[in-house]
Amino acid sequence: MMVEMIEDIKKYSIDTIVGDGCEGFVSSHDLCRYMIDAMILILEAQGSPKIANYDFLLEGSPTVCPPELKDEALWIHLNKEQLQRKIQAAKNYKELEHEIEKTLALYGEEAFSVECLRPVMKRHVHKNWESDLPSYEKGKRGKMEAGLFSELITFKNHLKPMGELLFKYAEEACVSCK
């Protein structure tokens, strides 16, 4: 899959990639971030023009940006029509209906009229949260113990090894480019 994506990035001269930040909230989102960063490393080693790499957060207020990134972040301001389309699209995603309602109640609709796309400054970051365990692991542990599923996706046993494998793949691909 990454090979095809790399080929498409080159074929269509894509110069900017935006993806989820590594937050520890949804394991598949963190995995996507690992893939994006690994692909950009490979593309750079292959001599592709510089690709701007941005992330955004799904947890917390969308307007929060670390002070050291504010000047280089891309800020997208939505008008009322665009904001309503964005909110409606999110609400149409039934699997996340509860999360959407909770987030809107917490921050209000207006907070989502601004998108902060933060430049990714550090690659090879497998963990970007403060606690010992990511949210996706803490939140599901009780459900596993209740017998709702047989195995828990963990950072230590699943995500971190996958991230390390992706970066190892990227490094090997980079060596073969030289």
Protein backbone atom coordinates (compact mmCIF):
# COMPACT_ATOMS: atom_id res chain seq x y z
CA MET A 1 0.00 0.00 0.00
CA MET A 2 2.76 2.46 0.86
CA VAL A 3 4.51 1.76 -2.44
CA GLU A 4 1.36 2.65 -4.39
CA MET A 5 0.83 5.77 -2.31
CA ILE A 6 4.43 6.87 -2.89
CA GLU A 7 4.00 6.36 -6.63
CA ASP A 8 0.79 8.42 -6.61
CA ILE A 9 2.46 11.21 -4.63
CA LYS A 10 5.16 11.40 -7.31
CA LYS A 11 2.76 10.93 -10.25
CA TYR A 12 0.48 13.77 -9.15
CA SER A 13 3.31 16.01 -7.86
CA ILE A 14 1.77 16.22 -4.39
CA ASP A 15 3.69 18.77 -2.35
CA THR A 16 1.69 18.79 0.89
CA ILE A 17 0.40 15.97 3.06
CA VAL A 18 -1.93 16.48 6.01
CA GLY A 19 -2.83 13.67 8.40
CA ASP A 20 -3.86 12.95 11.94
CA GLY A 21 -1.44 13.78 14.70
CA CYS A 22 -0.06 11.00 16.87
CA GLU A 23 -2.33 11.43 19.90
CA GLY A 24 -2.85 7.97 21.33
CA PHE A 25 -6.59 8.35 20.93
CA VAL A 26 -7.33 6.12 17.92
CA SER A 27 -4.72 3.47 17.15
CA SER A 28 -5.40 3.44 13.40
CA HIS A 29 -4.90 7.21 13.26
CA ASP A 30 -1.51 6.89 14.95
CA LEU A 31 -0.59 4.15 12.47
CA CYS A 32 -1.53 6.48 9.59
CA ARG A 33 0.81 9.13 11.02
CA TYR A 34 3.64 6.58 11.15
CA MET A 35 2.96 5.70 7.50
CA ILE A 36 2.89 9.32 6.36
CA ASP A 37 6.18 10.12 8.05
CA ALA A 38 7.84 6.96 6.68
CA MET A 39 6.63 7.72 3.14
CA ILE A 40 7.98 11.24 3.28
CA LEU A 41 11.37 9.93 4.41
CA ILE A 42 11.43 7.56 1.44
CA LEU A 43 10.34 10.26 -1.02
CA GLU A 44 13.01 12.65 0.21
CA ALA A 45 15.67 9.94 -0.11
CA GLN A 46 14.49 9.29 -3.67
CA GLY A 47 15.13 12.93 -4.49
CA SER A 48 11.53 14.12 -4.60
CA PRO A 49 10.98 17.82 -4.00
CA LYS A 50 10.34 18.73 -0.38
CA ILE A 51 6.91 17.71 0.81
CA ALA A 52 5.23 19.83 3.45
CA ASN A 53 4.05 17.56 6.27
CA TYR A 54 1.26 18.77 8.57
CA ASP A 55 -0.84 17.17 11.25
CA PHE A 56 -3.99 18.09 13.10
CA LEU A 57 -5.42 16.96 16.40
CA LEU A 58 -8.76 15.25 16.85
CA GLU A 59 -8.77 15.52 20.63
CA GLY A 60 -9.17 18.88 22.29
CA SER A 61 -9.92 22.28 20.87
CA PRO A 62 -9.03 22.56 17.18
CA THR A 63 -7.63 26.05 17.74
CA VAL A 64 -4.89 24.97 20.14
CA CYS A 65 -1.40 25.10 18.68
CA PRO A 66 1.90 24.90 20.56
CA PRO A 67 3.53 28.35 20.69
CA GLU A 68 6.66 27.14 18.90
CA LEU A 69 4.56 26.00 15.90
CA LYS A 70 2.09 28.91 15.63
CA ASP A 71 4.06 30.92 13.08
CA GLU A 72 4.62 27.95 10.76
CA ALA A 73 1.16 26.40 11.18
CA LEU A 74 -1.44 26.74 8.47
CA TRP A 75 -4.63 28.30 9.76
CA ILE A 76 -7.80 27.65 7.79
CA HIS A 77 -10.80 29.80 8.64
CA LEU A 78 -14.15 28.44 7.52
CA ASN A 79 -17.13 30.61 6.72
CA LYS A 80 -20.56 29.71 8.16
CA GLU A 81 -21.57 27.56 5.17
CA GLN A 82 -18.29 25.64 5.20
CA LEU A 83 -18.55 25.15 8.95
CA GLN A 84 -22.07 23.75 8.68
CA ARG A 85 -20.98 21.34 5.90
CA LYS A 86 -18.06 20.20 8.05
CA ILE A 87 -20.27 19.62 11.10
CA GLN A 88 -22.91 17.82 9.04
CA ALA A 89 -20.28 15.57 7.47
CA ALA A 90 -18.98 14.70 10.95
CA LYS A 91 -22.48 14.03 12.26
CA ASN A 92 -23.16 11.73 9.29
CA TYR A 93 -20.37 9.47 10.53
CA LYS A 94 -22.60 7.41 12.82
CA GLU A 95 -19.77 5.44 14.42
CA LEU A 96 -18.51 8.65 16.02
CA GLU A 97 -21.84 10.31 16.73
CA HIS A 98 -21.34 10.26 20.52
CA GLU A 99 -17.80 11.68 20.23
CA ILE A 100 -18.95 14.43 17.87
CA GLU A 101 -21.80 15.50 20.16
CA LYS A 102 -19.52 15.45 23.22
CA THR A 103 -16.87 17.55 21.47
CA LEU A 104 -19.39 20.07 20.13
CA ALA A 105 -20.93 20.42 23.60
CA LEU A 106 -17.50 20.97 25.14
CA TYR A 107 -16.09 23.52 22.66
CA GLY A 108 -19.12 24.80 20.73
CA GLU A 109 -19.53 24.86 16.97
CA GLU A 110 -17.60 28.10 16.50
CA ALA A 111 -14.34 26.52 17.70
CA PHE A 112 -14.48 24.25 14.65
CA SER A 113 -14.51 27.14 12.20
CA VAL A 114 -10.71 27.24 12.53
CA GLU A 115 -8.37 24.44 11.55
CA CYS A 116 -4.79 24.47 12.77
CA LEU A 117 -2.53 22.36 10.57
CA ARG A 118 0.71 22.00 12.47
CA PRO A 119 4.03 21.36 10.74
CA VAL A 120 5.45 17.98 11.71
CA MET A 121 8.87 18.80 13.08
CA LYS A 122 9.84 15.45 14.58
CA ARG A 123 9.61 12.21 12.71
CA HIS A 124 10.18 8.82 14.29
CA VAL A 125 7.90 9.90 17.12
CA HIS A 126 5.96 6.84 18.19
CA LYS A 127 4.44 8.35 21.30
CA ASN A 128 3.09 11.84 21.70
CA TRP A 129 1.01 11.69 24.87
CA GLU A 130 1.83 12.31 28.51
CA SER A 131 0.45 9.24 30.29
CA ASP A 132 1.93 5.74 30.38
CA LEU A 133 -0.86 4.32 28.24
CA PRO A 134 -2.60 5.84 25.23
CA SER A 135 -6.33 6.53 25.45
CA TYR A 136 -7.20 3.73 23.02
CA GLU A 137 -5.60 1.28 25.42
CA LYS A 138 -6.95 2.68 28.70
CA GLY A 139 -10.48 2.99 27.40
CA LYS A 140 -10.71 -0.56 26.08
CA ARG A 141 -9.05 -2.45 28.95
CA GLY A 142 -12.30 -2.68 30.94
CA LYS A 143 -14.22 -3.88 27.89
CA MET A 144 -11.69 -6.64 27.31
CA GLU A 145 -11.87 -7.68 30.95
CA ALA A 146 -15.67 -7.78 30.60
CA GLY A 147 -15.24 -10.25 27.73
CA LEU A 148 -16.35 -7.96 24.91
CA PHE A 149 -13.24 -8.87 22.93
CA SER A 150 -10.38 -11.28 23.42
CA GLU A 151 -7.31 -9.13 22.79
CA LEU A 152 -6.42 -5.53 23.43
CA ILE A 153 -4.47 -3.46 20.92
CA THR A 154 -1.59 -2.04 22.92
CA PHE A 155 1.06 0.51 22.18
CA LYS A 156 3.85 -1.72 23.49
CA ASN A 157 2.86 -4.92 21.68
CA HIS A 158 1.27 -3.58 18.51
CA LEU A 159 1.61 0.09 17.59
CA LYS A 160 5.20 0.72 18.64
CA PRO A 161 6.54 -2.38 16.81
CA MET A 162 4.56 -1.41 13.70
CA GLY A 163 5.91 2.13 13.83
CA GLU A 164 9.45 0.83 14.29
CA LEU A 165 8.97 -1.57 11.37
CA LEU A 166 7.69 1.21 9.11
CA PHE A 167 10.66 3.44 9.94
CA LYS A 168 13.06 0.53 9.46
CA TYR A 169 11.46 -0.09 6.06
CA ALA A 170 11.86 3.61 5.23
CA GLU A 171 15.50 3.64 6.33
CA GLU A 172 16.27 0.55 4.23
CA ALA A 173 14.50 2.10 1.26
CA CYS A 174 16.52 5.28 1.80
CA VAL A 175 19.80 3.35 1.82
CA SER A 176 18.89 1.60 -1.44
CA CYS A 177 18.18 5.01 -3.05
CA LYS A 178 21.71 6.24 -2.49
